[in-house]
Amino acid sequence: MTFRASYPSMAGGEVSEAVAARWDVAKYTTALSLGRNTLGLPQGGQYNRPGFLLCDRVPDSTQPAIVFPFIFATGNAYALEFTPGKMRVYYRGELVTRPKLTITAITREAQAIVTAPAHGYVVGWVVAFDGVAGMVEINGLRGKVIEVLDADRFRIDLDTSGFGSFSGDTGGVAGNAEGGTGGQPPFDPDPPPAEQPDNPPKPPVTPPPRCPAPDTLILLANETLDGPGEEIRADELKDGVHYVWTQHERSLDWGAFFVLKAEVDETPRARVRLVMVDGGEVVVSSGHRFFVEGRRWVRVETIIAGEVVSGRVVDRVELADAGPVVEIMVHQAMSYVSAGLLSHNVKQIELEP
């Protein structure tokens, strides 16, 4: 006799071979005979177990290094890299650094001088650059602090003589990207008293989220999760319920990806409007990233007229009124399609001071 069981979900995981024929057991109808390289969702579906990703290179390949996983929860995992005397932390493929400082100037010379008020850096620290306007060649690079000139200026080992002229900063410089103590003693049992300025600078804070306006249309996956579906407003997106149809942040392969977070932030945020030649537009918070042909993930403020985003030509970028945004996080893909444009859903994680 042929028996056909109804499978309402796959939340039960793999069924043991010892009970593989026990179709009368209640859990049988929610189990898999084999789940290879998959993880289960509490809603009943399965998704591919994440593989390996090249995030960075160790500071010194001649020294031993080891990487440990630290998994707080599914979708919230860290990688801890240990080398002699140092540790670095990675989250979602990005290096966790100290809070970013605003850059006011970068010189063009063999060993550039960077001006970042009240930087607090020391010789030996490695700093990372992002969101620099004008001198765009420095974005994504890291340099070692070789001299501290004063409280606001330091010299790095990067040759910027052939770079464009610095014109502004929408991102900043993140200190101690190498991890550890940068060659300084981790603890001084009897430190000298520090000089206190009359108006001590306020510590930098974590920048606001980079998200779309609530009325932005987000592309969902269809009911069978094998193609695009309808578009809904960002403030109608539900975490734990919706799948978006988008391209993976690295491979750019299309697929249906689970929404891990969709939360309206009512705090008035600085917002920017991206206007396309075809008349379409989208309003996002400052620092939001779009996929620009030839440049990959780019902050909206640095996109220029004539560049192409998702096959559409940019007309202009302009300031919009401050207002609420919707924080969106998509599992694995780290992206979503907003108003027809491929958007990134996360930023580099920064530590509170």
Protein backbone atom coordinates (compact mmCIF):
# COMPACT_ATOMS: atom_id res chain seq x y z
CA MET A 1 0.00 0.00 0.00
CA THR A 2 1.31 3.45 -0.90
CA PHE A 3 1.20 6.05 1.85
CA ARG A 4 1.46 9.77 1.04
CA ALA A 5 2.07 12.06 4.00
CA SER A 6 1.24 15.75 4.08
CA TYR A 7 4.18 17.96 4.99
CA PRO A 8 3.00 21.29 6.45
CA SER A 9 6.56 22.42 7.27
CA MET A 10 10.19 21.37 7.56
CA ALA A 11 10.80 22.73 11.05
CA GLY A 12 11.48 19.32 12.59
CA GLY A 13 14.97 18.93 11.14
CA GLU A 14 16.34 15.56 10.01
CA VAL A 15 14.50 12.41 11.04
CA SER A 16 16.57 9.63 12.59
CA GLU A 17 17.09 6.47 10.52
CA ALA A 18 15.77 4.53 13.51
CA VAL A 19 12.31 6.01 13.00
CA ALA A 20 12.49 6.71 9.26
CA ALA A 21 9.56 4.37 8.64
CA ARG A 22 7.43 5.57 11.55
CA TRP A 23 5.06 7.70 9.54
CA ASP A 24 2.58 7.46 12.44
CA VAL A 25 4.85 9.62 14.63
CA ALA A 26 3.59 13.22 14.75
CA LYS A 27 6.97 14.78 14.06
CA TYR A 28 7.36 12.69 10.90
CA THR A 29 5.33 15.20 8.89
CA THR A 30 7.62 18.10 9.82
CA ALA A 31 10.97 16.34 9.33
CA LEU A 32 13.45 15.82 6.48
CA SER A 33 15.15 12.59 5.54
CA LEU A 34 18.27 14.61 4.70
CA GLY A 35 19.08 18.29 5.07
CA ARG A 36 22.51 18.83 3.55
CA ASN A 37 24.13 22.20 4.29
CA THR A 38 20.82 23.71 5.33
CA LEU A 39 19.44 25.41 8.41
CA GLY A 40 15.81 25.50 9.46
CA LEU A 41 13.62 28.53 9.99
CA PRO A 42 11.04 28.54 12.80
CA GLN A 43 8.42 29.33 10.16
CA GLY A 44 9.08 25.93 8.58
CA GLY A 45 11.35 26.64 5.62
CA GLN A 46 14.99 25.76 5.02
CA TYR A 47 17.83 27.95 3.74
CA ASN A 48 21.41 27.30 2.66
CA ARG A 49 23.96 27.25 5.45
CA PRO A 50 26.41 30.14 4.96
CA GLY A 51 29.82 29.17 3.61
CA PHE A 52 33.20 30.88 3.86
CA LEU A 53 33.93 34.46 2.86
CA LEU A 54 37.26 36.26 2.39
CA CYS A 55 36.88 39.26 4.71
CA ASP A 56 40.45 40.45 5.11
CA ARG A 57 44.08 39.42 5.40
CA VAL A 58 45.99 38.99 8.65
CA PRO A 59 48.24 41.94 9.60
CA ASP A 60 51.41 39.81 9.47
CA SER A 61 51.42 36.53 7.54
CA THR A 62 54.68 35.49 9.22
CA GLN A 63 52.94 35.31 12.61
CA PRO A 64 50.47 32.62 13.71
CA ALA A 65 46.79 33.50 13.50
CA ILE A 66 43.59 31.74 14.48
CA VAL A 67 39.93 32.56 13.90
CA PHE A 68 37.12 31.63 16.29
CA PRO A 69 33.38 31.97 15.61
CA PHE A 70 31.20 33.77 18.13
CA ILE A 71 27.55 33.15 17.36
CA PHE A 72 25.09 35.14 19.45
CA ALA A 73 22.08 34.03 17.39
CA THR A 74 21.23 32.97 13.85
CA GLY A 75 21.94 36.01 11.69
CA ASN A 76 24.02 37.64 14.41
CA ALA A 77 27.44 35.99 14.31
CA TYR A 78 30.97 37.34 14.67
CA ALA A 79 34.42 36.12 13.68
CA LEU A 80 37.25 36.73 16.17
CA GLU A 81 40.76 36.84 14.73
CA PHE A 82 43.63 36.35 17.19
CA THR A 83 47.27 37.15 16.39
CA PRO A 84 50.14 37.67 18.87
CA GLY A 85 49.08 40.52 21.17
CA LYS A 86 46.08 41.52 19.08
CA MET A 87 42.47 40.65 18.31
CA ARG A 88 40.20 41.83 15.49
CA VAL A 89 36.43 41.39 15.24
CA TYR A 90 34.42 40.93 12.02
CA TYR A 91 30.68 41.25 11.60
CA ARG A 92 28.90 40.37 8.34
CA GLY A 93 32.17 40.42 6.47
CA GLU A 94 33.20 43.86 7.75
CA LEU A 95 35.92 44.77 10.21
CA VAL A 96 34.63 46.25 13.48
CA THR A 97 36.54 49.45 14.24
CA ARG A 98 36.45 52.36 16.62
CA PRO A 99 33.90 55.09 15.83
CA LYS A 100 34.65 57.11 12.71
CA LEU A 101 36.02 60.64 12.95
CA THR A 102 35.27 63.43 10.51
CA ILE A 103 38.14 64.33 8.19
CA THR A 104 38.68 68.02 7.38
CA ALA A 105 41.80 67.72 5.21
CA ILE A 106 44.18 65.23 3.57
CA THR A 107 47.40 66.35 1.91
CA ARG A 108 48.69 65.03 -1.42
CA GLU A 109 52.20 63.76 -0.70
CA ALA A 110 54.26 60.60 -0.35
CA GLN A 111 53.25 60.28 3.31
CA ALA A 112 49.91 62.01 3.64
CA ILE A 113 48.90 64.18 6.58
CA VAL A 114 45.31 63.67 7.73
CA THR A 115 43.44 66.28 9.74
CA ALA A 116 40.74 64.79 12.01
CA PRO A 117 40.02 66.96 15.07
CA ALA A 118 40.67 65.28 18.44
CA HIS A 119 41.63 62.00 16.75
CA GLY A 120 43.30 60.41 19.78
CA TYR A 121 45.36 58.07 17.58
CA VAL A 122 48.84 56.77 18.41
CA VAL A 123 51.79 55.68 16.29
CA GLY A 124 51.33 52.16 14.99
CA TRP A 125 47.56 52.24 14.65
CA VAL A 126 46.07 51.31 11.31
CA VAL A 127 43.25 53.55 10.07
CA ALA A 128 40.62 52.85 7.39
CA PHE A 129 39.06 55.44 5.08
CA ASP A 130 35.53 55.61 3.71
CA GLY A 131 33.21 58.25 2.23
CA VAL A 132 35.98 60.72 1.27
CA ALA A 133 34.94 63.08 -1.54
CA GLY A 134 37.38 64.41 -4.12
CA MET A 135 40.20 62.09 -3.08
CA VAL A 136 38.04 59.05 -3.82
CA GLU A 137 41.06 56.83 -4.45
CA ILE A 138 41.69 56.61 -0.71
CA ASN A 139 38.27 55.10 0.05
CA GLY A 140 38.63 51.47 1.14
CA LEU A 141 42.37 51.82 1.82
CA ARG A 142 44.16 51.45 5.14
CA GLY A 143 47.24 53.27 6.32
CA LYS A 144 49.46 53.03 9.37
CA VAL A 145 49.96 56.06 11.61
CA ILE A 146 53.68 56.79 11.46
CA GLU A 147 53.68 60.17 13.22
CA VAL A 148 51.27 62.10 15.44
CA LEU A 149 51.78 65.79 14.67
CA ASP A 150 49.29 67.20 17.16
CA ALA A 151 45.83 66.56 18.63
CA ASP A 152 44.21 67.12 15.23
CA ARG A 153 46.75 65.85 12.67
CA PHE A 154 48.61 62.62 12.03
CA ARG A 155 50.81 61.26 9.24
CA ILE A 156 50.18 57.91 7.51
CA ASP A 157 52.24 55.67 5.25
CA LEU A 158 49.95 56.09 2.21
CA ASP A 159 51.22 57.86 -0.91
CA THR A 160 48.42 60.21 -2.02
CA SER A 161 50.50 62.35 -4.38
CA GLY A 162 48.69 60.90 -7.40
CA PHE A 163 45.20 61.08 -5.87
CA GLY A 164 42.53 63.71 -6.45
CA SER A 165 42.23 66.72 -4.17
CA PHE A 166 40.28 66.31 -0.93
CA SER A 167 36.96 68.17 -1.07
CA GLY A 168 34.85 66.76 1.74
CA ASP A 169 33.92 63.84 3.93
CA THR A 170 30.65 61.92 4.19
CA GLY A 171 32.17 58.89 5.91
CA GLY A 172 35.34 59.38 7.90
CA VAL A 173 38.40 57.61 9.21
CA ALA A 174 38.08 54.60 11.52
CA GLY A 175 40.92 54.10 13.95
CA ASN A 176 42.83 50.96 14.97
CA ALA A 177 41.67 48.83 12.05
CA GLU A 178 44.58 46.46 12.83
CA GLY A 179 43.17 45.55 16.24
CA GLY A 180 44.92 45.17 19.57
CA THR A 181 46.79 48.06 21.13
CA GLY A 182 48.74 49.28 18.10
CA GLY A 183 52.10 48.57 19.74
CA GLN A 184 51.26 50.54 22.90
CA PRO A 185 51.15 49.01 26.41
CA PRO A 186 47.63 47.74 27.07
CA PHE A 187 47.80 48.99 30.68
CA ASP A 188 49.88 51.59 32.51
CA PRO A 189 49.69 51.01 36.30
CA ASP A 190 50.64 54.62 37.03
CA PRO A 191 49.70 56.82 34.06
CA PRO A 192 50.57 60.53 34.14
CA PRO A 193 47.66 62.91 34.68
CA ALA A 194 46.10 63.85 31.37
CA GLU A 195 45.77 67.49 30.41
CA GLN A 196 42.13 68.50 30.28
CA PRO A 197 41.21 71.09 27.63
CA ASP A 198 38.82 73.89 28.50
CA ASN A 199 36.24 72.47 26.11
CA PRO A 200 36.90 68.74 25.81
CA PRO A 201 35.56 67.29 22.55
CA LYS A 202 32.54 65.08 22.74
CA PRO A 203 33.23 61.43 21.93
CA PRO A 204 32.09 60.38 18.44
CA VAL A 205 28.85 58.45 18.28
CA THR A 206 27.60 55.70 16.05
CA PRO A 207 26.18 57.24 12.86
CA PRO A 208 22.44 56.96 12.18
CA PRO A 209 21.02 54.04 10.21
CA ARG A 210 21.10 54.16 6.42
CA CYS A 211 17.60 53.30 5.29
CA PRO A 212 14.78 54.25 2.89
CA ALA A 213 11.85 56.56 3.58
CA PRO A 214 8.65 54.79 4.76
CA ASP A 215 6.80 55.27 1.44
CA THR A 216 9.60 53.68 -0.63
CA LEU A 217 8.40 50.64 -2.60
CA ILE A 218 10.26 47.39 -1.81
CA LEU A 219 10.23 44.45 -4.25
CA LEU A 220 8.97 41.17 -2.74
CA ALA A 221 9.45 37.60 -3.99
CA ASN A 222 6.44 35.79 -5.43
CA GLU A 223 4.51 33.12 -3.52
CA THR A 224 6.68 30.29 -4.89
CA LEU A 225 9.90 32.21 -4.07
CA ASP A 226 11.28 31.72 -7.59
CA GLY A 227 10.76 35.17 -9.06
CA PRO A 228 9.73 38.78 -8.42
CA GLY A 229 6.36 39.54 -6.87
CA GLU A 230 4.55 42.70 -5.88
CA GLU A 231 5.97 45.90 -4.41
CA ILE A 232 4.90 47.18 -0.99
CA ARG A 233 5.78 50.24 1.05
CA ALA A 234 8.82 49.93 3.29
CA ASP A 235 6.74 50.63 6.40
CA GLU A 236 4.47 47.67 5.49
CA LEU A 237 7.38 45.22 5.33
CA LYS A 238 7.20 42.55 8.06
CA ASP A 239 10.22 40.77 9.49
CA GLY A 240 9.66 37.05 9.96
CA VAL A 241 6.98 37.11 7.26
CA HIS A 242 8.18 38.59 3.99
CA TYR A 243 10.79 37.47 1.47
CA VAL A 244 12.29 40.08 -0.84
CA TRP A 245 13.45 39.44 -4.41
CA THR A 246 16.94 40.87 -4.71
CA GLN A 247 20.56 40.30 -5.75
CA HIS A 248 23.17 38.96 -3.35
CA GLU A 249 25.52 41.74 -2.22
CA ARG A 250 28.63 39.95 -3.53
CA SER A 251 27.65 37.43 -6.20
CA LEU A 252 24.75 39.59 -7.51
CA ASP A 253 22.73 36.39 -8.07
CA TRP A 254 18.97 36.94 -7.93
CA GLY A 255 16.94 35.08 -5.34
CA ALA A 256 14.32 35.19 -2.59
CA PHE A 257 15.79 36.21 0.76
CA PHE A 258 14.21 36.35 4.20
CA VAL A 259 13.60 39.70 5.94
CA LEU A 260 15.29 39.62 9.35
CA LYS A 261 14.37 43.14 10.40
CA ALA A 262 11.91 45.81 9.27
CA GLU A 263 11.43 48.57 11.81
CA VAL A 264 10.25 52.17 11.41
CA ASP A 265 12.59 54.73 12.98
CA GLU A 266 10.49 57.83 13.72
CA THR A 267 13.53 59.94 14.61
CA PRO A 268 13.91 62.73 12.01
CA ARG A 269 16.96 61.69 9.98
CA ALA A 270 19.00 63.63 7.45
CA ARG A 271 17.74 62.39 4.07
CA VAL A 272 18.86 62.60 0.45
CA ARG A 273 16.84 62.32 -2.77
CA LEU A 274 18.26 60.33 -5.71
CA VAL A 275 16.58 61.45 -8.95
CA MET A 276 16.82 59.40 -12.16
CA VAL A 277 16.71 60.64 -15.76
CA ASP A 278 13.53 58.62 -16.35
CA GLY A 279 11.76 60.67 -13.66
CA GLY A 280 11.91 58.06 -10.89
CA GLU A 281 13.25 59.04 -7.49
CA VAL A 282 13.87 57.61 -4.04
CA VAL A 283 14.45 59.27 -0.67
CA VAL A 284 16.93 57.59 1.70
CA SER A 285 18.90 58.50 4.79
CA SER A 286 22.34 60.02 4.44
CA GLY A 287 25.03 57.40 3.82
CA HIS A 288 22.66 54.87 2.21
CA ARG A 289 24.43 52.74 -0.41
CA PHE A 290 23.33 51.84 -3.93
CA PHE A 291 25.00 49.49 -6.42
CA VAL A 292 26.59 51.73 -9.08
CA GLU A 293 27.90 50.12 -12.26
CA GLY A 294 31.70 50.14 -12.24
CA ARG A 295 31.94 51.24 -8.58
CA ARG A 296 29.81 48.64 -6.74
CA TRP A 297 28.37 49.80 -3.38
CA VAL A 298 28.51 53.58 -3.21
CA ARG A 299 27.14 56.13 -0.73
CA VAL A 300 24.29 58.11 -2.22
CA GLU A 301 26.03 61.45 -1.55
CA THR A 302 28.97 60.47 -3.77
CA ILE A 303 26.89 59.34 -6.76
CA ILE A 304 27.21 61.79 -9.66
CA ALA A 305 24.98 62.61 -12.62
CA GLY A 306 25.35 60.19 -15.52
CA GLU A 307 26.24 57.16 -13.42
CA VAL A 308 24.10 54.04 -13.80
CA VAL A 309 22.20 52.36 -10.94
CA SER A 310 20.28 49.16 -11.76
CA GLY A 311 20.33 50.02 -15.46
CA ARG A 312 18.94 53.52 -14.91
CA VAL A 313 20.84 56.78 -15.40
CA VAL A 314 21.20 59.23 -12.52
CA ASP A 315 20.03 62.80 -13.09
CA ARG A 316 21.00 64.38 -9.78
CA VAL A 317 21.38 63.93 -6.02
CA GLU A 318 19.81 66.56 -3.78
CA LEU A 319 18.98 67.15 -0.13
CA ALA A 320 15.51 66.16 1.07
CA ASP A 321 13.57 67.11 4.18
CA ALA A 322 14.56 65.31 7.39
CA GLY A 323 12.15 62.58 8.36
CA PRO A 324 11.59 58.97 9.45
CA VAL A 325 13.19 55.96 7.79
CA VAL A 326 12.70 52.19 7.88
CA GLU A 327 15.57 49.99 9.09
CA ILE A 328 15.67 46.86 6.92
CA MET A 329 17.95 43.84 7.23
CA VAL A 330 17.83 40.94 4.76
CA HIS A 331 19.29 37.54 5.54
CA GLN A 332 22.40 36.56 3.54
CA ALA A 333 21.79 38.88 0.58
CA MET A 334 22.25 42.06 2.68
CA SER A 335 20.38 43.95 -0.04
CA TYR A 336 16.92 44.75 -1.38
CA VAL A 337 15.39 46.55 -4.34
CA SER A 338 13.93 49.92 -3.35
CA ALA A 339 12.03 51.94 -5.96
CA GLY A 340 13.60 49.69 -8.60
CA LEU A 341 17.18 50.35 -7.42
CA LEU A 342 19.48 47.80 -5.75
CA SER A 343 20.21 48.98 -2.18
CA HIS A 344 22.49 47.73 0.58
CA ASN A 345 20.93 47.13 3.98
CA VAL A 346 23.87 47.40 6.41
CA LYS A 347 26.83 49.61 7.16
CA GLN A 348 30.22 48.89 8.65
CA ILE A 349 29.64 48.15 12.34
CA GLU A 350 31.23 50.66 14.70
CA LEU A 351 31.94 50.37 18.41
CA GLU A 352 30.61 52.84 20.95
CA PRO A 353 33.43 54.77 22.66
